[in-house]
Amino acid sequence: IRVLIAKPGLDGHDVGAKLVCRALMAAGMEVIYSGLRQSPQAIVHTAVEEWVDAVGLSILSGAHLGLCRKTSVLFAEAGIDPLFVVGGNIPAGDRAALTALGVDGVFSTGSQFDDIVEFVASGVRAARAREVTDAE
């Protein structure tokens, strides 16, 4: 499983994102960490170039709705549909709006790493199973 973890926008705090990367790697996933202050365009470009199965955005700035909206539009324009996960300071009231934007999973600060790892692994397995079924 190939996962891209990115820090979009002007948020400069990446300790949580790096810890999520380590948890995913410890579970046997290949993780690409794009670093701080990435634009949605750069994130989608990296997702396409790296052939990732999942993209996780870590957003602590409060700009999660706009950044996820733009990223989701760019996924569609690029013709890709990775498992899309967002983590950070995400108010519970914004979860439905994020889901409507195409976000598959939302993990607020304090989420358990095992829950994130299991969500990504099971989500990618389900997507791969659908691809096989669709190909038949």
Protein backbone atom coordinates (compact mmCIF):
# COMPACT_ATOMS: atom_id res chain seq x y z
CA ILE A 1 0.00 0.00 0.00
CA ARG A 2 1.43 3.35 -1.10
CA VAL A 3 0.34 6.38 0.92
CA LEU A 4 1.08 10.06 0.39
CA ILE A 5 0.98 12.22 3.52
CA ALA A 6 0.93 15.95 2.88
CA LYS A 7 0.73 19.22 4.82
CA PRO A 8 -1.24 21.66 2.66
CA GLY A 9 -1.49 25.38 3.19
CA LEU A 10 0.50 27.55 5.52
CA ASP A 11 0.41 25.24 8.55
CA GLY A 12 3.95 24.71 9.82
CA HIS A 13 3.38 22.05 12.48
CA ASP A 14 4.16 18.56 11.19
CA VAL A 15 4.91 16.39 14.23
CA GLY A 16 1.54 14.62 14.03
CA ALA A 17 1.90 13.99 10.30
CA LYS A 18 5.36 12.49 10.83
CA LEU A 19 4.04 10.24 13.59
CA VAL A 20 1.24 9.03 11.30
CA CYS A 21 3.89 8.32 8.63
CA ARG A 22 5.84 6.19 11.11
CA ALA A 23 2.73 4.27 12.17
CA LEU A 24 1.85 3.51 8.54
CA MET A 25 5.43 2.45 7.78
CA ALA A 26 5.50 0.23 10.87
CA ALA A 27 2.41 -1.49 9.45
CA GLY A 28 4.31 -2.27 6.24
CA MET A 29 3.03 0.53 4.03
CA GLU A 30 5.20 2.58 1.72
CA VAL A 31 4.84 6.22 2.73
CA ILE A 32 5.77 9.34 0.80
CA TYR A 33 5.87 12.46 2.97
CA SER A 34 5.70 15.60 0.84
CA GLY A 35 6.69 18.06 3.54
CA LEU A 36 5.26 21.36 4.70
CA ARG A 37 3.31 24.03 2.84
CA GLN A 38 2.18 21.99 -0.15
CA SER A 39 -0.41 23.31 -2.58
CA PRO A 40 -3.33 21.09 -3.61
CA GLN A 41 -1.84 21.09 -7.13
CA ALA A 42 1.51 19.80 -5.87
CA ILE A 43 -0.21 17.16 -3.73
CA VAL A 44 -2.25 15.81 -6.64
CA HIS A 45 0.79 15.92 -8.94
CA THR A 46 2.76 13.85 -6.42
CA ALA A 47 -0.16 11.42 -6.00
CA VAL A 48 -0.24 10.85 -9.76
CA GLU A 49 3.55 10.57 -10.14
CA GLU A 50 3.90 8.16 -7.20
CA TRP A 51 0.86 5.99 -8.08
CA VAL A 52 -0.41 6.13 -4.51
CA ASP A 53 -3.37 4.19 -3.17
CA ALA A 54 -4.20 6.75 -0.49
CA VAL A 55 -3.66 10.42 0.26
CA GLY A 56 -3.71 11.80 3.78
CA LEU A 57 -3.80 15.52 4.48
CA SER A 58 -2.78 16.84 7.88
CA ILE A 59 -4.40 20.22 8.48
CA LEU A 60 -4.19 22.15 11.73
CA SER A 61 -4.85 25.63 10.32
CA GLY A 62 -8.64 25.49 10.09
CA ALA A 63 -8.56 25.71 6.28
CA HIS A 64 -9.58 22.07 5.84
CA LEU A 65 -12.81 22.66 3.90
CA GLY A 66 -11.24 24.82 1.20
CA LEU A 67 -8.11 22.72 0.90
CA CYS A 68 -10.08 19.46 0.70
CA ARG A 69 -12.51 20.96 -1.83
CA LYS A 70 -9.67 22.02 -4.13
CA THR A 71 -7.79 18.73 -3.71
CA SER A 72 -10.93 16.71 -4.46
CA VAL A 73 -11.60 18.71 -7.65
CA LEU A 74 -8.01 18.19 -8.76
CA PHE A 75 -8.24 14.43 -8.10
CA ALA A 76 -11.22 14.29 -10.45
CA GLU A 77 -9.47 16.41 -13.09
CA ALA A 78 -6.43 14.10 -12.90
CA GLY A 79 -8.65 11.02 -13.22
CA ILE A 80 -7.57 9.46 -9.94
CA ASP A 81 -9.60 8.29 -6.97
CA PRO A 82 -7.30 7.51 -4.05
CA LEU A 83 -8.57 6.79 -0.57
CA PHE A 84 -8.77 10.35 0.78
CA VAL A 85 -8.14 10.88 4.49
CA VAL A 86 -7.86 14.10 6.48
CA GLY A 87 -6.54 14.60 9.98
CA GLY A 88 -5.93 17.47 12.34
CA ASN A 89 -8.05 20.12 14.04
CA ILE A 90 -11.32 19.11 12.42
CA PRO A 91 -14.53 20.18 14.19
CA ALA A 92 -17.13 17.41 14.42
CA GLY A 93 -19.61 19.69 12.64
CA ASP A 94 -17.42 19.70 9.51
CA ARG A 95 -17.32 15.92 9.05
CA ALA A 96 -20.45 15.77 6.87
CA ALA A 97 -19.19 18.60 4.65
CA LEU A 98 -15.85 16.81 4.23
CA THR A 99 -17.61 13.56 3.33
CA ALA A 100 -19.67 15.46 0.74
CA LEU A 101 -16.37 16.71 -0.74
CA GLY A 102 -15.16 13.14 -1.22
CA VAL A 103 -13.15 12.66 1.95
CA ASP A 104 -13.31 9.00 2.98
CA GLY A 105 -12.05 9.33 6.55
CA VAL A 106 -11.62 12.11 9.10
CA PHE A 107 -9.29 11.74 12.07
CA SER A 108 -9.23 14.56 14.59
CA THR A 109 -6.23 15.29 16.77
CA GLY A 110 -5.90 12.61 19.40
CA SER A 111 -7.02 9.78 17.09
CA GLN A 112 -5.37 6.44 17.70
CA PHE A 113 -2.68 5.46 15.20
CA ASP A 114 -4.02 1.89 15.05
CA ASP A 115 -7.40 3.26 13.94
CA ILE A 116 -5.78 5.27 11.14
CA VAL A 117 -3.67 2.33 9.99
CA GLU A 118 -6.67 -0.03 9.96
CA PHE A 119 -8.84 2.49 8.11
CA VAL A 120 -6.23 2.99 5.39
CA ALA A 121 -5.48 -0.73 5.04
CA SER A 122 -9.12 -1.79 4.89
CA GLY A 123 -10.08 1.10 2.60
CA VAL A 124 -7.34 0.29 0.10
CA ARG A 125 -8.17 -3.44 0.21
CA ALA A 126 -11.84 -2.65 -0.48
CA ALA A 127 -10.93 -0.34 -3.38
CA ARG A 128 -8.67 -2.99 -4.90
CA ALA A 129 -11.42 -5.59 -4.58
CA ARG A 130 -13.85 -3.25 -6.38
CA GLU A 131 -11.30 -2.74 -9.18
CA VAL A 132 -10.97 -6.49 -9.66
CA THR A 133 -14.76 -6.92 -9.71
CA ASP A 134 -15.16 -4.04 -12.17
CA ALA A 135 -12.50 -5.55 -14.45
CA GLU A 136 -14.33 -8.86 -14.63
